[in-house]
Amino acid sequence: MSGTTLDTGALIALETGSRRMAVLVEEALANDIELAVPAGVVAQAWRGGGRQARIAKLLRASVTTIVPLDRKLALRVGARCAASGSTDVVDVSVAVCAHDRGQPVITSDPGDIGKIDPSLTLLPPA
């Protein structure tokens, strides 16, 4: 599967005006390329109200998939936390999501994500 998985730093970079993130979203829309956003990432980044127009637009986009943390995925993420030694459920869910989809991760936290799954391609959001 093609596309990109976004972490919280990617959403924050988009909201604060990162040109790189704006281009990534534009290209995804123009080429119908999936942008996967784990549900925990949305929870970390979202603060509500009218202050987050760019994130809100991204979350409504047809190419955006908000990946739910359902029972099956929650069990996998918990097991991966134990295996990797990570206590950050959201980072682990990002790594699992990207790995499952064969996608690179746009992340502001490459050290932690890389420790969870060294096979992932990690790209900066800005």
N, C-alpha and C. Protein backbone atom coordinates (compact mmCIF):
# COMPACT_ATOMS: atom_id res chain seq x y z
N MET A 1 0.84 -1.18 0.00
CA MET A 1 0.00 0.00 0.00
C MET A 1 0.89 1.24 0.00
N SER A 2 0.52 2.23 -0.74
CA SER A 2 1.29 3.47 -0.74
C SER A 2 0.67 4.45 0.25
N GLY A 3 1.37 5.50 0.50
CA GLY A 3 0.87 6.52 1.40
C GLY A 3 1.88 6.84 2.47
N THR A 4 1.41 7.49 3.50
CA THR A 4 2.27 7.93 4.60
C THR A 4 1.48 7.87 5.89
N THR A 5 2.16 7.50 6.96
CA THR A 5 1.57 7.55 8.30
C THR A 5 2.09 8.81 8.99
N LEU A 6 1.20 9.52 9.64
CA LEU A 6 1.55 10.78 10.30
C LEU A 6 1.53 10.61 11.81
N ASP A 7 2.55 11.17 12.48
CA ASP A 7 2.53 11.20 13.94
C ASP A 7 2.06 12.58 14.41
N THR A 8 2.01 12.76 15.71
CA THR A 8 1.52 14.01 16.27
C THR A 8 2.34 15.20 15.81
N GLY A 9 3.64 15.04 15.75
CA GLY A 9 4.50 16.14 15.30
C GLY A 9 4.18 16.57 13.88
N ALA A 10 3.76 15.64 13.04
CA ALA A 10 3.39 15.98 11.66
C ALA A 10 2.13 16.85 11.65
N LEU A 11 1.15 16.50 12.48
CA LEU A 11 -0.06 17.31 12.54
C LEU A 11 0.23 18.69 13.10
N ILE A 12 1.05 18.76 14.12
CA ILE A 12 1.40 20.05 14.71
C ILE A 12 2.17 20.89 13.69
N ALA A 13 3.09 20.26 12.96
CA ALA A 13 3.84 20.99 11.93
C ALA A 13 2.90 21.54 10.86
N LEU A 14 1.93 20.74 10.45
CA LEU A 14 0.94 21.22 9.47
C LEU A 14 0.22 22.45 10.01
N GLU A 15 -0.23 22.35 11.23
CA GLU A 15 -1.00 23.45 11.82
C GLU A 15 -0.17 24.72 11.99
N THR A 16 1.12 24.57 12.25
CA THR A 16 1.96 25.75 12.46
C THR A 16 2.58 26.27 11.17
N GLY A 17 2.14 25.72 10.02
CA GLY A 17 2.53 26.30 8.74
C GLY A 17 3.70 25.67 8.03
N SER A 18 4.05 24.44 8.37
CA SER A 18 5.14 23.75 7.67
C SER A 18 4.83 23.64 6.18
N ARG A 19 5.70 24.20 5.37
CA ARG A 19 5.53 24.11 3.91
C ARG A 19 5.62 22.66 3.45
N ARG A 20 6.55 21.91 4.03
CA ARG A 20 6.71 20.49 3.66
C ARG A 20 5.41 19.71 3.89
N MET A 21 4.76 19.95 5.03
CA MET A 21 3.52 19.25 5.33
C MET A 21 2.39 19.71 4.41
N ALA A 22 2.33 21.00 4.12
CA ALA A 22 1.30 21.50 3.21
C ALA A 22 1.44 20.86 1.83
N VAL A 23 2.67 20.75 1.34
CA VAL A 23 2.92 20.12 0.04
C VAL A 23 2.55 18.64 0.08
N LEU A 24 2.91 17.95 1.16
CA LEU A 24 2.58 16.53 1.29
C LEU A 24 1.07 16.32 1.21
N VAL A 25 0.31 17.14 1.91
CA VAL A 25 -1.14 17.02 1.89
C VAL A 25 -1.69 17.35 0.50
N GLU A 26 -1.20 18.39 -0.12
CA GLU A 26 -1.64 18.76 -1.47
C GLU A 26 -1.37 17.62 -2.45
N GLU A 27 -0.18 17.03 -2.39
CA GLU A 27 0.17 15.93 -3.29
C GLU A 27 -0.70 14.70 -3.02
N ALA A 28 -0.96 14.42 -1.76
CA ALA A 28 -1.82 13.28 -1.42
C ALA A 28 -3.22 13.47 -1.99
N LEU A 29 -3.75 14.67 -1.85
CA LEU A 29 -5.08 14.95 -2.40
C LEU A 29 -5.10 14.86 -3.93
N ALA A 30 -4.09 15.42 -4.56
CA ALA A 30 -4.04 15.43 -6.02
C ALA A 30 -3.86 14.03 -6.61
N ASN A 31 -3.19 13.16 -5.86
CA ASN A 31 -2.87 11.83 -6.38
C ASN A 31 -3.60 10.69 -5.67
N ASP A 32 -4.57 11.03 -4.83
CA ASP A 32 -5.36 10.04 -4.08
C ASP A 32 -4.47 9.07 -3.31
N ILE A 33 -3.55 9.63 -2.53
CA ILE A 33 -2.60 8.85 -1.73
C ILE A 33 -3.02 8.92 -0.27
N GLU A 34 -3.11 7.77 0.37
CA GLU A 34 -3.57 7.69 1.76
C GLU A 34 -2.62 8.40 2.72
N LEU A 35 -3.23 9.13 3.66
CA LEU A 35 -2.54 9.67 4.82
C LEU A 35 -3.18 8.99 6.02
N ALA A 36 -2.44 8.09 6.66
CA ALA A 36 -2.96 7.34 7.81
C ALA A 36 -2.61 8.08 9.09
N VAL A 37 -3.61 8.27 9.93
CA VAL A 37 -3.42 8.97 11.20
C VAL A 37 -4.02 8.10 12.31
N PRO A 38 -3.17 7.48 13.13
CA PRO A 38 -3.71 6.68 14.24
C PRO A 38 -4.57 7.55 15.17
N ALA A 39 -5.62 6.96 15.71
CA ALA A 39 -6.57 7.69 16.56
C ALA A 39 -5.87 8.38 17.73
N GLY A 40 -4.88 7.75 18.32
CA GLY A 40 -4.16 8.37 19.44
C GLY A 40 -3.43 9.64 19.03
N VAL A 41 -2.97 9.69 17.80
CA VAL A 41 -2.33 10.89 17.27
C VAL A 41 -3.33 12.03 17.22
N VAL A 42 -4.53 11.73 16.75
CA VAL A 42 -5.57 12.75 16.71
C VAL A 42 -5.83 13.27 18.12
N ALA A 43 -5.94 12.37 19.08
CA ALA A 43 -6.20 12.77 20.47
C ALA A 43 -5.07 13.64 21.03
N GLN A 44 -3.83 13.32 20.69
CA GLN A 44 -2.71 14.11 21.18
C GLN A 44 -2.67 15.51 20.57
N ALA A 45 -3.03 15.61 19.30
CA ALA A 45 -2.90 16.89 18.59
C ALA A 45 -4.13 17.79 18.69
N TRP A 46 -5.31 17.19 18.81
CA TRP A 46 -6.55 17.95 18.71
C TRP A 46 -6.86 18.67 20.02
N ARG A 47 -7.18 19.95 19.89
CA ARG A 47 -7.57 20.75 21.06
C ARG A 47 -8.94 21.39 20.86
N GLY A 48 -9.53 21.17 19.70
CA GLY A 48 -10.89 21.64 19.46
C GLY A 48 -10.97 23.12 19.12
N GLY A 49 -12.19 23.55 18.95
CA GLY A 49 -12.41 24.96 18.62
C GLY A 49 -11.98 25.27 17.20
N GLY A 50 -11.96 26.54 16.88
CA GLY A 50 -11.62 26.97 15.54
C GLY A 50 -10.14 27.22 15.34
N ARG A 51 -9.32 26.87 16.33
CA ARG A 51 -7.90 27.19 16.25
C ARG A 51 -7.10 26.23 15.37
N GLN A 52 -7.67 25.12 15.00
CA GLN A 52 -6.90 24.10 14.30
C GLN A 52 -7.49 23.80 12.92
N ALA A 53 -7.64 24.83 12.14
CA ALA A 53 -8.30 24.71 10.84
C ALA A 53 -7.56 23.75 9.90
N ARG A 54 -6.24 23.80 9.88
CA ARG A 54 -5.49 22.94 8.97
C ARG A 54 -5.62 21.47 9.36
N ILE A 55 -5.54 21.18 10.65
CA ILE A 55 -5.72 19.79 11.10
C ILE A 55 -7.14 19.34 10.81
N ALA A 56 -8.12 20.18 11.09
CA ALA A 56 -9.52 19.82 10.84
C ALA A 56 -9.72 19.49 9.36
N LYS A 57 -9.15 20.30 8.49
CA LYS A 57 -9.27 20.06 7.04
C LYS A 57 -8.62 18.73 6.66
N LEU A 58 -7.44 18.46 7.21
CA LEU A 58 -6.76 17.19 6.95
C LEU A 58 -7.62 16.01 7.39
N LEU A 59 -8.18 16.10 8.58
CA LEU A 59 -8.97 14.98 9.12
C LEU A 59 -10.25 14.74 8.32
N ARG A 60 -10.75 15.77 7.63
CA ARG A 60 -11.95 15.62 6.78
C ARG A 60 -11.62 15.16 5.36
N ALA A 61 -10.36 15.21 4.99
CA ALA A 61 -9.97 14.92 3.60
C ALA A 61 -10.27 13.47 3.22
N SER A 62 -10.62 13.29 1.97
CA SER A 62 -10.97 11.95 1.48
C SER A 62 -9.79 10.98 1.53
N VAL A 63 -8.57 11.48 1.53
CA VAL A 63 -7.39 10.61 1.54
C VAL A 63 -6.94 10.24 2.95
N THR A 64 -7.55 10.86 3.95
CA THR A 64 -7.15 10.63 5.33
C THR A 64 -7.91 9.45 5.92
N THR A 65 -7.16 8.52 6.48
CA THR A 65 -7.74 7.40 7.21
C THR A 65 -7.37 7.55 8.67
N ILE A 66 -8.35 7.73 9.53
CA ILE A 66 -8.09 7.72 10.97
C ILE A 66 -8.17 6.26 11.40
N VAL A 67 -7.03 5.75 11.84
CA VAL A 67 -6.92 4.32 12.16
C VAL A 67 -7.35 4.11 13.61
N PRO A 68 -8.48 3.41 13.82
CA PRO A 68 -8.99 3.23 15.17
C PRO A 68 -8.12 2.29 15.99
N LEU A 69 -8.09 2.54 17.28
CA LEU A 69 -7.39 1.64 18.19
C LEU A 69 -8.45 0.70 18.76
N ASP A 70 -8.80 -0.29 17.94
CA ASP A 70 -9.82 -1.25 18.37
C ASP A 70 -9.17 -2.34 19.23
N ARG A 71 -9.95 -3.31 19.65
CA ARG A 71 -9.45 -4.35 20.55
C ARG A 71 -8.27 -5.10 19.96
N LYS A 72 -8.38 -5.52 18.72
CA LYS A 72 -7.32 -6.29 18.08
C LYS A 72 -6.02 -5.48 18.00
N LEU A 73 -6.11 -4.23 17.54
CA LEU A 73 -4.91 -3.40 17.42
C LEU A 73 -4.37 -3.04 18.80
N ALA A 74 -5.24 -2.79 19.76
CA ALA A 74 -4.80 -2.46 21.11
C ALA A 74 -3.96 -3.59 21.70
N LEU A 75 -4.37 -4.82 21.48
CA LEU A 75 -3.60 -5.97 21.98
C LEU A 75 -2.24 -6.06 21.30
N ARG A 76 -2.21 -5.80 20.00
CA ARG A 76 -0.94 -5.82 19.27
C ARG A 76 -0.01 -4.71 19.74
N VAL A 77 -0.57 -3.52 19.93
CA VAL A 77 0.22 -2.38 20.38
C VAL A 77 0.77 -2.65 21.78
N GLY A 78 -0.05 -3.18 22.67
CA GLY A 78 0.41 -3.51 24.02
C GLY A 78 1.55 -4.52 24.00
N ALA A 79 1.41 -5.55 23.16
CA ALA A 79 2.46 -6.56 23.04
C ALA A 79 3.74 -5.94 22.47
N ARG A 80 3.60 -5.02 21.52
CA ARG A 80 4.78 -4.37 20.93
C ARG A 80 5.43 -3.42 21.95
N CYS A 81 4.63 -2.79 22.80
CA CYS A 81 5.20 -1.98 23.88
C CYS A 81 6.11 -2.86 24.74
N ALA A 82 5.61 -4.03 25.11
CA ALA A 82 6.40 -4.93 25.95
C ALA A 82 7.67 -5.38 25.22
N ALA A 83 7.54 -5.73 23.95
CA ALA A 83 8.69 -6.22 23.19
C ALA A 83 9.75 -5.15 22.95
N SER A 84 9.30 -3.91 22.76
CA SER A 84 10.24 -2.83 22.44
C SER A 84 10.73 -2.08 23.67
N GLY A 85 10.05 -2.28 24.79
CA GLY A 85 10.40 -1.54 26.00
C GLY A 85 9.83 -0.13 26.02
N SER A 86 8.99 0.21 25.06
CA SER A 86 8.40 1.54 25.01
C SER A 86 7.16 1.61 25.89
N THR A 87 6.97 2.75 26.53
CA THR A 87 5.76 2.97 27.31
C THR A 87 4.81 3.94 26.61
N ASP A 88 5.19 4.41 25.43
CA ASP A 88 4.38 5.38 24.70
C ASP A 88 3.46 4.66 23.72
N VAL A 89 2.22 4.46 24.13
CA VAL A 89 1.25 3.72 23.34
C VAL A 89 1.01 4.40 21.99
N VAL A 90 1.00 5.72 21.94
CA VAL A 90 0.75 6.42 20.68
C VAL A 90 1.90 6.20 19.72
N ASP A 91 3.15 6.34 20.19
CA ASP A 91 4.29 6.07 19.30
C ASP A 91 4.26 4.65 18.77
N VAL A 92 3.94 3.70 19.63
CA VAL A 92 3.89 2.31 19.18
C VAL A 92 2.76 2.12 18.18
N SER A 93 1.62 2.76 18.39
CA SER A 93 0.52 2.63 17.43
C SER A 93 0.90 3.23 16.08
N VAL A 94 1.68 4.31 16.09
CA VAL A 94 2.17 4.89 14.84
C VAL A 94 3.07 3.89 14.12
N ALA A 95 3.99 3.29 14.85
CA ALA A 95 4.91 2.33 14.25
C ALA A 95 4.17 1.11 13.69
N VAL A 96 3.22 0.59 14.44
CA VAL A 96 2.46 -0.57 13.99
C VAL A 96 1.62 -0.22 12.76
N CYS A 97 0.98 0.94 12.78
CA CYS A 97 0.17 1.39 11.65
C CYS A 97 1.03 1.49 10.38
N ALA A 98 2.17 2.15 10.50
CA ALA A 98 3.05 2.32 9.33
C ALA A 98 3.57 0.98 8.84
N HIS A 99 3.96 0.12 9.76
CA HIS A 99 4.47 -1.20 9.38
C HIS A 99 3.39 -2.01 8.65
N ASP A 100 2.19 -2.02 9.20
CA ASP A 100 1.08 -2.76 8.58
C ASP A 100 0.80 -2.28 7.17
N ARG A 101 0.94 -0.99 6.92
CA ARG A 101 0.62 -0.40 5.63
C ARG A 101 1.82 -0.32 4.69
N GLY A 102 3.00 -0.61 5.21
CA GLY A 102 4.20 -0.47 4.39
C GLY A 102 4.49 0.98 4.04
N GLN A 103 4.21 1.87 4.98
CA GLN A 103 4.34 3.31 4.74
C GLN A 103 5.50 3.91 5.54
N PRO A 104 6.08 4.98 5.02
CA PRO A 104 7.01 5.77 5.84
C PRO A 104 6.22 6.56 6.88
N VAL A 105 6.93 7.06 7.88
CA VAL A 105 6.31 7.86 8.94
C VAL A 105 6.86 9.27 8.88
N ILE A 106 5.97 10.25 8.87
CA ILE A 106 6.39 11.63 9.07
C ILE A 106 6.35 11.84 10.58
N THR A 107 7.53 12.07 11.17
CA THR A 107 7.62 12.14 12.63
C THR A 107 8.62 13.19 13.10
N SER A 108 8.28 13.81 14.21
CA SER A 108 9.22 14.71 14.87
C SER A 108 9.97 13.96 15.97
N ASP A 109 9.72 12.67 16.06
CA ASP A 109 10.29 11.84 17.12
C ASP A 109 10.97 10.59 16.54
N PRO A 110 11.94 10.77 15.63
CA PRO A 110 12.51 9.61 14.95
C PRO A 110 13.26 8.66 15.88
N GLY A 111 13.85 9.17 16.95
CA GLY A 111 14.58 8.30 17.87
C GLY A 111 13.68 7.26 18.50
N ASP A 112 12.55 7.70 19.03
CA ASP A 112 11.64 6.76 19.70
C ASP A 112 10.96 5.83 18.70
N ILE A 113 10.46 6.37 17.60
CA ILE A 113 9.79 5.52 16.61
C ILE A 113 10.78 4.52 16.02
N GLY A 114 12.00 4.96 15.76
CA GLY A 114 13.03 4.08 15.21
C GLY A 114 13.39 2.94 16.14
N LYS A 115 13.37 3.17 17.44
CA LYS A 115 13.64 2.10 18.41
C LYS A 115 12.53 1.07 18.42
N ILE A 116 11.31 1.52 18.19
CA ILE A 116 10.17 0.62 18.19
C ILE A 116 10.20 -0.29 16.96
N ASP A 117 10.52 0.29 15.81
CA ASP A 117 10.61 -0.50 14.56
C ASP A 117 11.70 0.08 13.67
N PRO A 118 12.92 -0.46 13.77
CA PRO A 118 14.04 0.07 12.98
C PRO A 118 13.89 -0.09 11.48
N SER A 119 12.92 -0.92 11.03
CA SER A 119 12.73 -1.12 9.60
C SER A 119 11.97 0.02 8.92
N LEU A 120 11.37 0.91 9.70
CA LEU A 120 10.56 1.98 9.12
C LEU A 120 11.41 3.08 8.53
N THR A 121 10.90 3.68 7.48
CA THR A 121 11.48 4.90 6.92
C THR A 121 10.87 6.07 7.67
N LEU A 122 11.73 6.92 8.24
CA LEU A 122 11.28 8.05 9.04
C LEU A 122 11.68 9.35 8.38
N LEU A 123 10.72 10.26 8.22
CA LEU A 123 10.94 11.53 7.55
C LEU A 123 10.53 12.68 8.46
N PRO A 124 11.25 13.80 8.41
CA PRO A 124 10.89 14.94 9.26
C PRO A 124 9.67 15.68 8.71
N PRO A 125 8.90 16.33 9.59
CA PRO A 125 7.72 17.07 9.15
C PRO A 125 8.03 18.47 8.63
N ALA A 126 9.21 18.96 8.88
CA ALA A 126 9.52 20.32 8.44
C ALA A 126 10.88 20.37 7.77
